[in-house]
Amino acid sequence: MIETERLILRGWKDSDLDPFAAMSQDPRVMATLGPLMSRDEAAAVITRIEGIREAHGYTFWAIERREDGAFLGFCGVKPGAEDTPIAGEVEIGWRLAHDHWGKGYAREAAQASLDWVWTHLDADQVAAITTPGNSNSWGLMERLGMVRAPEDDFDHPKAIGHLIPHITYRIARPAKRG
């Protein structure tokens, strides 16, 4: 579990399924991510995410707002997918329900996730991927200090249509102070 001023990043609970399924059926959330998901498909995503945690000790954690326990979405890190240029690297990612966009939650959760990597993993860098049209996502990557790696842009083998092209960003481990 990771705690920030306003958020808790934690393992998934059964009660997260309904709000996660709702955001996975929201065209605004899914416009740059893929097709809308049924409740069963959303449940399968949670199962995969939790399987990553069981296998590696880290994953895309559920984001809970501290003040009221509301589920906001997910953020965290996982091993980069084998069929992408970031295979074998640590990948950071996030997805928030539309009602929680523009409030700084994604940045707060993503920065906490990066800090967790630098403290707990022996990774020299962290990578992220998104579609060129997902300016909210790559904008956050840039605000976090991530740098575009155009040499690793690729066509995602699991994406369809306009979501096939993907861009890659990375951030290096900060130098130790002192």
C-alpha atoms as a PDB file:
ATOM      1  CA  MET A   1       0.000   0.000   0.000  1.00  0.00           C
ATOM      2  CA  ILE A   2       1.177   3.500  -0.868  1.00  0.00           C
ATOM      3  CA  GLU A   3      -0.256   6.568   0.851  1.00  0.00           C
ATOM      4  CA  THR A   4      -0.089  10.165  -0.329  1.00  0.00           C
ATOM      5  CA  GLU A   5      -1.659  13.332   1.004  1.00  0.00           C
ATOM      6  CA  ARG A   6      -5.013  12.576  -0.664  1.00  0.00           C
ATOM      7  CA  LEU A   7      -4.779   9.002  -1.927  1.00  0.00           C
ATOM      8  CA  ILE A   8      -4.224   5.373  -1.032  1.00  0.00           C
ATOM      9  CA  LEU A   9      -2.855   3.034  -3.711  1.00  0.00           C
ATOM     10  CA  ARG A  10      -3.809  -0.471  -2.636  1.00  0.00           C
ATOM     11  CA  GLY A  11      -4.723  -3.959  -3.713  1.00  0.00           C
ATOM     12  CA  TRP A  12      -8.073  -4.427  -5.376  1.00  0.00           C
ATOM     13  CA  LYS A  13     -11.263  -5.154  -3.398  1.00  0.00           C
ATOM     14  CA  ASP A  14     -14.466  -6.830  -4.564  1.00  0.00           C
ATOM     15  CA  SER A  15     -16.204  -3.463  -4.113  1.00  0.00           C
ATOM     16  CA  ASP A  16     -13.954  -1.940  -6.814  1.00  0.00           C
ATOM     17  CA  LEU A  17     -15.565  -3.962  -9.592  1.00  0.00           C
ATOM     18  CA  ASP A  18     -18.713  -1.854 -10.035  1.00  0.00           C
ATOM     19  CA  PRO A  19     -16.958   1.535 -10.279  1.00  0.00           C
ATOM     20  CA  PHE A  20     -14.172   0.036 -12.424  1.00  0.00           C
ATOM     21  CA  ALA A  21     -16.743  -1.532 -14.753  1.00  0.00           C
ATOM     22  CA  ALA A  22     -18.586   1.803 -14.961  1.00  0.00           C
ATOM     23  CA  MET A  23     -15.436   3.701 -15.956  1.00  0.00           C
ATOM     24  CA  SER A  24     -14.571   0.925 -18.432  1.00  0.00           C
ATOM     25  CA  GLN A  25     -17.947   1.536 -20.105  1.00  0.00           C
ATOM     26  CA  ASP A  26     -17.448   5.312 -20.291  1.00  0.00           C
ATOM     27  CA  PRO A  27     -16.622   6.387 -23.871  1.00  0.00           C
ATOM     28  CA  ARG A  28     -14.705   9.409 -22.536  1.00  0.00           C
ATOM     29  CA  VAL A  29     -12.372   7.165 -20.514  1.00  0.00           C
ATOM     30  CA  MET A  30     -11.963   4.496 -23.174  1.00  0.00           C
ATOM     31  CA  ALA A  31     -11.658   6.763 -26.247  1.00  0.00           C
ATOM     32  CA  THR A  32      -7.864   6.393 -26.395  1.00  0.00           C
ATOM     33  CA  LEU A  33      -7.623   3.010 -24.665  1.00  0.00           C
ATOM     34  CA  GLY A  34      -9.791   0.560 -26.547  1.00  0.00           C
ATOM     35  CA  PRO A  35     -13.329  -0.754 -26.856  1.00  0.00           C
ATOM     36  CA  LEU A  36     -15.823  -0.351 -24.041  1.00  0.00           C
ATOM     37  CA  MET A  37     -15.713  -3.311 -21.663  1.00  0.00           C
ATOM     38  CA  SER A  38     -18.535  -5.359 -20.222  1.00  0.00           C
ATOM     39  CA  ARG A  39     -18.653  -5.978 -16.479  1.00  0.00           C
ATOM     40  CA  ASP A  40     -17.218  -9.466 -17.062  1.00  0.00           C
ATOM     41  CA  GLU A  41     -14.372  -8.047 -19.162  1.00  0.00           C
ATOM     42  CA  ALA A  42     -13.625  -5.471 -16.453  1.00  0.00           C
ATOM     43  CA  ALA A  43     -13.571  -8.270 -13.862  1.00  0.00           C
ATOM     44  CA  ALA A  44     -11.095 -10.176 -16.043  1.00  0.00           C
ATOM     45  CA  VAL A  45      -8.831  -7.099 -16.171  1.00  0.00           C
ATOM     46  CA  ILE A  46      -8.850  -6.893 -12.370  1.00  0.00           C
ATOM     47  CA  THR A  47      -8.004 -10.596 -12.179  1.00  0.00           C
ATOM     48  CA  ARG A  48      -5.049 -10.069 -14.567  1.00  0.00           C
ATOM     49  CA  ILE A  49      -3.859  -7.038 -12.597  1.00  0.00           C
ATOM     50  CA  GLU A  50      -3.989  -8.959  -9.320  1.00  0.00           C
ATOM     51  CA  GLY A  51      -2.195 -11.887 -10.991  1.00  0.00           C
ATOM     52  CA  ILE A  52       0.663  -9.527 -11.867  1.00  0.00           C
ATOM     53  CA  ARG A  53       0.858  -8.473  -8.207  1.00  0.00           C
ATOM     54  CA  GLU A  54       0.971 -12.098  -7.078  1.00  0.00           C
ATOM     55  CA  ALA A  55       3.728 -12.913  -9.585  1.00  0.00           C
ATOM     56  CA  HIS A  56       5.882  -9.793  -9.200  1.00  0.00           C
ATOM     57  CA  GLY A  57       4.912  -8.038  -5.966  1.00  0.00           C
ATOM     58  CA  TYR A  58       3.708  -4.909  -7.750  1.00  0.00           C
ATOM     59  CA  THR A  59       0.981  -3.996 -10.205  1.00  0.00           C
ATOM     60  CA  PHE A  60      -1.524  -1.330 -11.202  1.00  0.00           C
ATOM     61  CA  TRP A  61      -2.992  -0.584  -7.768  1.00  0.00           C
ATOM     62  CA  ALA A  62      -6.524   0.635  -7.107  1.00  0.00           C
ATOM     63  CA  ILE A  63      -6.660   4.332  -6.197  1.00  0.00           C
ATOM     64  CA  GLU A  64      -8.808   5.216  -3.201  1.00  0.00           C
ATOM     65  CA  ARG A  65      -9.472   8.793  -2.077  1.00  0.00           C
ATOM     66  CA  ARG A  66      -8.482   9.066   1.582  1.00  0.00           C
ATOM     67  CA  GLU A  67     -11.214  11.480   2.641  1.00  0.00           C
ATOM     68  CA  ASP A  68     -14.145   9.262   1.676  1.00  0.00           C
ATOM     69  CA  GLY A  69     -12.810   5.913   0.436  1.00  0.00           C
ATOM     70  CA  ALA A  70     -14.057   6.522  -3.120  1.00  0.00           C
ATOM     71  CA  PHE A  71     -12.551   4.385  -5.897  1.00  0.00           C
ATOM     72  CA  LEU A  72     -10.968   6.744  -8.456  1.00  0.00           C
ATOM     73  CA  GLY A  73      -9.279   4.343 -10.878  1.00  0.00           C
ATOM     74  CA  PHE A  74      -5.868   2.700 -10.953  1.00  0.00           C
ATOM     75  CA  CYS A  75      -2.201   3.615 -11.117  1.00  0.00           C
ATOM     76  CA  GLY A  76       1.017   1.751 -10.599  1.00  0.00           C
ATOM     77  CA  VAL A  77       3.737  -0.240 -12.262  1.00  0.00           C
ATOM     78  CA  LYS A  78       4.060  -3.634 -13.890  1.00  0.00           C
ATOM     79  CA  PRO A  79       6.508  -5.448 -16.141  1.00  0.00           C
ATOM     80  CA  GLY A  80       6.309  -4.137 -19.713  1.00  0.00           C
ATOM     81  CA  ALA A  81       4.425  -6.471 -22.052  1.00  0.00           C
ATOM     82  CA  GLU A  82       6.513  -8.970 -24.005  1.00  0.00           C
ATOM     83  CA  ASP A  83       5.083  -7.870 -27.349  1.00  0.00           C
ATOM     84  CA  THR A  84       6.186  -4.232 -26.944  1.00  0.00           C
ATOM     85  CA  PRO A  85       9.522  -2.350 -27.053  1.00  0.00           C
ATOM     86  CA  ILE A  86       9.368  -1.980 -23.261  1.00  0.00           C
ATOM     87  CA  ALA A  87       9.422  -5.726 -22.565  1.00  0.00           C
ATOM     88  CA  GLY A  88      11.546  -6.408 -19.504  1.00  0.00           C
ATOM     89  CA  GLU A  89      11.292  -2.815 -18.281  1.00  0.00           C
ATOM     90  CA  VAL A  90       9.130  -1.429 -15.495  1.00  0.00           C
ATOM     91  CA  GLU A  91       6.029   0.190 -17.015  1.00  0.00           C
ATOM     92  CA  ILE A  92       3.972   2.852 -15.274  1.00  0.00           C
ATOM     93  CA  GLY A  93       0.318   3.340 -16.142  1.00  0.00           C
ATOM     94  CA  TRP A  94      -2.905   4.900 -14.910  1.00  0.00           C
ATOM     95  CA  ARG A  95      -6.605   5.161 -15.677  1.00  0.00           C
ATOM     96  CA  LEU A  96      -9.065   7.319 -13.767  1.00  0.00           C
ATOM     97  CA  ALA A  97     -12.823   7.697 -13.954  1.00  0.00           C
ATOM     98  CA  HIS A  98     -13.774  10.821 -15.908  1.00  0.00           C
ATOM     99  CA  ASP A  99     -15.241  12.577 -12.847  1.00  0.00           C
ATOM    100  CA  HIS A 100     -11.763  12.551 -11.305  1.00  0.00           C
ATOM    101  CA  TRP A 101      -9.844  14.032 -14.251  1.00  0.00           C
ATOM    102  CA  GLY A 102      -8.226  17.448 -13.878  1.00  0.00           C
ATOM    103  CA  LYS A 103      -7.873  17.313 -10.089  1.00  0.00           C
ATOM    104  CA  GLY A 104      -4.235  16.241  -9.873  1.00  0.00           C
ATOM    105  CA  TYR A 105      -5.049  12.717  -8.690  1.00  0.00           C
ATOM    106  CA  ALA A 106      -3.296  10.990 -11.602  1.00  0.00           C
ATOM    107  CA  ARG A 107      -0.130  13.014 -11.093  1.00  0.00           C
ATOM    108  CA  GLU A 108      -0.149  12.415  -7.341  1.00  0.00           C
ATOM    109  CA  ALA A 109      -0.626   8.673  -7.812  1.00  0.00           C
ATOM    110  CA  ALA A 110       1.920   8.439 -10.637  1.00  0.00           C
ATOM    111  CA  GLN A 111       4.586  10.338  -8.706  1.00  0.00           C
ATOM    112  CA  ALA A 112       3.993   8.091  -5.695  1.00  0.00           C
ATOM    113  CA  SER A 113       4.330   5.056  -7.980  1.00  0.00           C
ATOM    114  CA  LEU A 114       7.633   6.338  -9.378  1.00  0.00           C
ATOM    115  CA  ASP A 115       8.896   7.037  -5.861  1.00  0.00           C
ATOM    116  CA  TRP A 116       7.919   3.474  -4.918  1.00  0.00           C
ATOM    117  CA  VAL A 117       9.940   2.088  -7.851  1.00  0.00           C
ATOM    118  CA  TRP A 118      13.045   4.057  -6.920  1.00  0.00           C
ATOM    119  CA  THR A 119      12.770   2.812  -3.321  1.00  0.00           C
ATOM    120  CA  HIS A 120      11.772  -0.828  -3.875  1.00  0.00           C
ATOM    121  CA  LEU A 121      12.997  -1.960  -7.294  1.00  0.00           C
ATOM    122  CA  ASP A 122      16.427  -2.099  -8.887  1.00  0.00           C
ATOM    123  CA  ALA A 123      15.277  -0.426 -12.099  1.00  0.00           C
ATOM    124  CA  ASP A 124      17.429   2.083 -13.967  1.00  0.00           C
ATOM    125  CA  GLN A 125      14.391   3.583 -15.664  1.00  0.00           C
ATOM    126  CA  VAL A 126      10.617   3.416 -15.952  1.00  0.00           C
ATOM    127  CA  ALA A 127       8.742   3.403 -19.267  1.00  0.00           C
ATOM    128  CA  ALA A 128       5.221   4.323 -20.321  1.00  0.00           C
ATOM    129  CA  ILE A 129       3.253   3.894 -23.524  1.00  0.00           C
ATOM    130  CA  THR A 130       0.133   5.535 -24.884  1.00  0.00           C
ATOM    131  CA  THR A 131      -1.511   6.527 -28.129  1.00  0.00           C
ATOM    132  CA  PRO A 132      -0.507   9.796 -29.825  1.00  0.00           C
ATOM    133  CA  GLY A 133      -4.081  11.033 -29.382  1.00  0.00           C
ATOM    134  CA  ASN A 134      -4.021  10.575 -25.611  1.00  0.00           C
ATOM    135  CA  SER A 135      -2.629  14.013 -24.813  1.00  0.00           C
ATOM    136  CA  ASN A 136      -3.846  13.801 -21.211  1.00  0.00           C
ATOM    137  CA  SER A 137      -1.655  10.752 -20.677  1.00  0.00           C
ATOM    138  CA  TRP A 138       1.483  11.849 -22.505  1.00  0.00           C
ATOM    139  CA  GLY A 139       1.075  15.315 -21.015  1.00  0.00           C
ATOM    140  CA  LEU A 140       1.226  13.754 -17.561  1.00  0.00           C
ATOM    141  CA  MET A 141       4.247  11.706 -18.622  1.00  0.00           C
ATOM    142  CA  GLU A 142       6.015  14.941 -19.531  1.00  0.00           C
ATOM    143  CA  ARG A 143       4.964  16.666 -16.289  1.00  0.00           C
ATOM    144  CA  LEU A 144       6.474  13.721 -14.403  1.00  0.00           C
ATOM    145  CA  GLY A 145       9.783  14.357 -16.181  1.00  0.00           C
ATOM    146  CA  MET A 146       9.455  11.497 -18.651  1.00  0.00           C
ATOM    147  CA  VAL A 147      11.055  11.978 -22.069  1.00  0.00           C
ATOM    148  CA  ARG A 148       9.702  10.793 -25.400  1.00  0.00           C
ATOM    149  CA  ALA A 149      11.633   7.873 -26.919  1.00  0.00           C
ATOM    150  CA  PRO A 150      10.498   8.013 -30.570  1.00  0.00           C
ATOM    151  CA  GLU A 151      12.910   5.235 -31.532  1.00  0.00           C
ATOM    152  CA  ASP A 152      10.635   2.898 -29.543  1.00  0.00           C
ATOM    153  CA  ASP A 153       7.289   4.051 -30.930  1.00  0.00           C
ATOM    154  CA  PHE A 154       5.438   1.030 -32.302  1.00  0.00           C
ATOM    155  CA  ASP A 155       2.212  -0.445 -33.590  1.00  0.00           C
ATOM    156  CA  HIS A 156       0.574  -2.205 -30.652  1.00  0.00           C
ATOM    157  CA  PRO A 157      -0.293  -5.778 -31.663  1.00  0.00           C
ATOM    158  CA  LYS A 158      -3.379  -5.883 -29.415  1.00  0.00           C
ATOM    159  CA  ALA A 159      -4.848  -2.525 -30.450  1.00  0.00           C
ATOM    160  CA  ILE A 160      -7.368  -1.845 -33.190  1.00  0.00           C
ATOM    161  CA  GLY A 161      -7.924   0.981 -35.660  1.00  0.00           C
ATOM    162  CA  HIS A 162      -6.726   4.431 -34.665  1.00  0.00           C
ATOM    163  CA  LEU A 163      -5.370   2.999 -31.391  1.00  0.00           C
ATOM    164  CA  ILE A 164      -2.683   0.879 -33.100  1.00  0.00           C
ATOM    165  CA  PRO A 165       0.120   3.518 -33.146  1.00  0.00           C
ATOM    166  CA  HIS A 166       1.759   3.881 -29.720  1.00  0.00           C
ATOM    167  CA  ILE A 167       4.377   6.272 -28.419  1.00  0.00           C
ATOM    168  CA  THR A 168       6.916   5.539 -25.706  1.00  0.00           C
ATOM    169  CA  TYR A 169       8.236   7.666 -22.849  1.00  0.00           C
ATOM    170  CA  ARG A 170      10.903   6.927 -20.233  1.00  0.00           C
ATOM    171  CA  ILE A 171      12.336   8.429 -17.076  1.00  0.00           C
ATOM    172  CA  ALA A 172      15.722   7.548 -15.616  1.00  0.00           C
ATOM    173  CA  ARG A 173      16.302   6.767 -11.967  1.00  0.00           C
ATOM    174  CA  PRO A 174      17.145  10.035 -10.207  1.00  0.00           C
ATOM    175  CA  ALA A 175      20.758  10.516  -9.158  1.00  0.00           C
ATOM    176  CA  LYS A 176      21.364   9.938  -5.467  1.00  0.00           C
ATOM    177  CA  ARG A 177      21.740  13.131  -3.486  1.00  0.00           C
ATOM    178  CA  GLY A 178      24.633  13.792  -1.154  1.00  0.00           C
END
